[in-house]
Amino acid sequence: MARRCAITGKGNLSGNNVSHANNKTRRTFRTNLQTTSLLSETLGESIRVRLSTNAIRTIEHAGGFDAFLLKTAPTKLPQAMRRLKQRLGRSRRRGHGDW
């Protein structure tokens, strides 16, 4: 499983450790990924995804997972999240949302 955020696409970066003597050795800056379960109120289930802490904050700011997916343009979402957004849209049209 790649160390990549499912929403933002953030991944590992590489750079240098620089010592006081200005010696440079390669290192990696790892992303702060958390495995979280996000509740989809419209679908009535929790979705388990691996997100960066920045993405978790963005989702909370948007008002929850459903609101975030509906507000975000499909071109800005990865393929798996696009499929989930389509499922969410179909479920809302059938009237399963807004309990």
C-alpha atoms as a PDB file:
ATOM      1  CA  MET A   1       0.000   0.000   0.000  1.00  0.00           C
ATOM      2  CA  ALA A   2       1.508   3.289  -1.093  1.00  0.00           C
ATOM      3  CA  ARG A   3       1.996   6.039   1.430  1.00  0.00           C
ATOM      4  CA  ARG A   4      -0.355   8.416  -0.342  1.00  0.00           C
ATOM      5  CA  CYS A   5      -3.414  10.301   0.875  1.00  0.00           C
ATOM      6  CA  ALA A   6      -6.674   9.081  -0.672  1.00  0.00           C
ATOM      7  CA  ILE A   7      -8.042  12.621  -1.082  1.00  0.00           C
ATOM      8  CA  THR A   8      -5.206  15.113  -1.483  1.00  0.00           C
ATOM      9  CA  GLY A   9      -2.722  12.739  -3.131  1.00  0.00           C
ATOM     10  CA  LYS A  10       0.084  13.883  -0.840  1.00  0.00           C
ATOM     11  CA  GLY A  11       2.995  11.461  -0.712  1.00  0.00           C
ATOM     12  CA  ASN A  12       6.530  11.180   0.605  1.00  0.00           C
ATOM     13  CA  LEU A  13       9.121  13.804  -0.278  1.00  0.00           C
ATOM     14  CA  SER A  14      12.888  13.450  -0.278  1.00  0.00           C
ATOM     15  CA  GLY A  15      15.581  15.868   0.773  1.00  0.00           C
ATOM     16  CA  ASN A  16      18.801  16.161   2.730  1.00  0.00           C
ATOM     17  CA  ASN A  17      19.824  16.035   6.360  1.00  0.00           C
ATOM     18  CA  VAL A  18      22.372  18.827   6.683  1.00  0.00           C
ATOM     19  CA  SER A  19      24.812  18.591   9.585  1.00  0.00           C
ATOM     20  CA  HIS A  20      26.608  21.441  11.312  1.00  0.00           C
ATOM     21  CA  ALA A  21      29.649  20.582   9.170  1.00  0.00           C
ATOM     22  CA  ASN A  22      27.377  20.927   6.090  1.00  0.00           C
ATOM     23  CA  ASN A  23      27.480  17.187   5.299  1.00  0.00           C
ATOM     24  CA  LYS A  24      24.429  16.179   3.308  1.00  0.00           C
ATOM     25  CA  THR A  25      22.790  12.761   3.556  1.00  0.00           C
ATOM     26  CA  ARG A  26      19.562  11.784   1.827  1.00  0.00           C
ATOM     27  CA  ARG A  27      16.382  11.380   3.859  1.00  0.00           C
ATOM     28  CA  THR A  28      12.656  11.072   3.297  1.00  0.00           C
ATOM     29  CA  PHE A  29       9.957  13.293   4.700  1.00  0.00           C
ATOM     30  CA  ARG A  30       7.051  10.940   5.345  1.00  0.00           C
ATOM     31  CA  THR A  31       3.468  12.119   5.189  1.00  0.00           C
ATOM     32  CA  ASN A  32       1.390  12.051   8.347  1.00  0.00           C
ATOM     33  CA  LEU A  33      -1.184   9.463   7.255  1.00  0.00           C
ATOM     34  CA  GLN A  34      -3.919   8.201   9.518  1.00  0.00           C
ATOM     35  CA  THR A  35      -6.306   5.320   8.853  1.00  0.00           C
ATOM     36  CA  THR A  36      -9.729   6.699   9.697  1.00  0.00           C
ATOM     37  CA  SER A  37     -13.336   5.624   9.406  1.00  0.00           C
ATOM     38  CA  LEU A  38     -15.516   8.401   8.035  1.00  0.00           C
ATOM     39  CA  LEU A  39     -19.255   8.165   8.511  1.00  0.00           C
ATOM     40  CA  SER A  40     -21.369   8.704   5.418  1.00  0.00           C
ATOM     41  CA  GLU A  41     -24.800   9.681   6.692  1.00  0.00           C
ATOM     42  CA  THR A  42     -26.414   9.349   3.265  1.00  0.00           C
ATOM     43  CA  LEU A  43     -25.082   5.840   2.618  1.00  0.00           C
ATOM     44  CA  GLY A  44     -25.549   4.847   6.244  1.00  0.00           C
ATOM     45  CA  GLU A  45     -22.122   3.243   6.527  1.00  0.00           C
ATOM     46  CA  SER A  46     -18.589   4.117   7.526  1.00  0.00           C
ATOM     47  CA  ILE A  47     -15.853   4.233   4.916  1.00  0.00           C
ATOM     48  CA  ARG A  48     -12.330   3.333   5.977  1.00  0.00           C
ATOM     49  CA  VAL A  49      -9.687   5.436   4.219  1.00  0.00           C
ATOM     50  CA  ARG A  50      -6.071   6.441   4.697  1.00  0.00           C
ATOM     51  CA  LEU A  51      -5.884  10.237   4.872  1.00  0.00           C
ATOM     52  CA  SER A  52      -3.356  12.913   5.705  1.00  0.00           C
ATOM     53  CA  THR A  53      -4.151  14.994   8.757  1.00  0.00           C
ATOM     54  CA  ASN A  54      -4.571  17.976   6.436  1.00  0.00           C
ATOM     55  CA  ALA A  55      -7.319  16.116   4.528  1.00  0.00           C
ATOM     56  CA  ILE A  56      -9.078  15.186   7.786  1.00  0.00           C
ATOM     57  CA  ARG A  57      -9.154  18.857   8.777  1.00  0.00           C
ATOM     58  CA  THR A  58     -10.469  19.826   5.336  1.00  0.00           C
ATOM     59  CA  ILE A  59     -13.296  17.286   5.581  1.00  0.00           C
ATOM     60  CA  GLU A  60     -14.251  18.501   9.054  1.00  0.00           C
ATOM     61  CA  HIS A  61     -14.208  22.120   7.850  1.00  0.00           C
ATOM     62  CA  ALA A  62     -16.537  21.253   4.952  1.00  0.00           C
ATOM     63  CA  GLY A  63     -19.125  19.830   7.347  1.00  0.00           C
ATOM     64  CA  GLY A  64     -18.481  16.109   7.094  1.00  0.00           C
ATOM     65  CA  PHE A  65     -17.576  13.498   4.502  1.00  0.00           C
ATOM     66  CA  ASP A  66     -20.790  13.721   2.465  1.00  0.00           C
ATOM     67  CA  ALA A  67     -20.694  17.523   2.289  1.00  0.00           C
ATOM     68  CA  PHE A  68     -17.017  17.480   1.291  1.00  0.00           C
ATOM     69  CA  LEU A  69     -17.594  15.037  -1.572  1.00  0.00           C
ATOM     70  CA  LEU A  70     -20.615  16.925  -2.869  1.00  0.00           C
ATOM     71  CA  LYS A  71     -18.784  20.292  -2.784  1.00  0.00           C
ATOM     72  CA  THR A  72     -15.581  19.037  -4.460  1.00  0.00           C
ATOM     73  CA  ALA A  73     -15.333  18.888  -8.246  1.00  0.00           C
ATOM     74  CA  PRO A  74     -14.852  15.332  -9.590  1.00  0.00           C
ATOM     75  CA  THR A  75     -11.701  16.381 -11.466  1.00  0.00           C
ATOM     76  CA  LYS A  76     -10.005  17.162  -8.135  1.00  0.00           C
ATOM     77  CA  LEU A  77     -10.778  13.727  -6.648  1.00  0.00           C
ATOM     78  CA  PRO A  78      -8.953  10.425  -7.176  1.00  0.00           C
ATOM     79  CA  GLN A  79     -10.785   7.622  -9.007  1.00  0.00           C
ATOM     80  CA  ALA A  80     -11.905   5.778  -5.846  1.00  0.00           C
ATOM     81  CA  MET A  81     -13.424   8.953  -4.377  1.00  0.00           C
ATOM     82  CA  ARG A  82     -15.178   9.724  -7.697  1.00  0.00           C
ATOM     83  CA  ARG A  83     -16.916   6.341  -7.552  1.00  0.00           C
ATOM     84  CA  LEU A  84     -17.928   7.030  -3.957  1.00  0.00           C
ATOM     85  CA  LYS A  85     -19.275  10.453  -4.981  1.00  0.00           C
ATOM     86  CA  GLN A  86     -21.359   8.838  -7.732  1.00  0.00           C
ATOM     87  CA  ARG A  87     -22.742   6.321  -5.230  1.00  0.00           C
ATOM     88  CA  LEU A  88     -23.549   9.187  -2.893  1.00  0.00           C
ATOM     89  CA  GLY A  89     -25.352  11.095  -5.655  1.00  0.00           C
ATOM     90  CA  ARG A  90     -27.421   8.058  -6.666  1.00  0.00           C
ATOM     91  CA  SER A  91     -28.374   7.433  -3.047  1.00  0.00           C
ATOM     92  CA  ARG A  92     -29.426  11.061  -2.521  1.00  0.00           C
ATOM     93  CA  ARG A  93     -31.587  11.018  -5.678  1.00  0.00           C
ATOM     94  CA  ARG A  94     -33.383   7.924  -4.413  1.00  0.00           C
ATOM     95  CA  GLY A  95     -34.222   9.816  -1.254  1.00  0.00           C
ATOM     96  CA  HIS A  96     -32.153   7.857   1.274  1.00  0.00           C
ATOM     97  CA  GLY A  97     -30.486  10.986   2.615  1.00  0.00           C
ATOM     98  CA  ASP A  98     -31.814  13.585   5.066  1.00  0.00           C
ATOM     99  CA  TRP A  99     -33.237  11.214   7.643  1.00  0.00           C
END
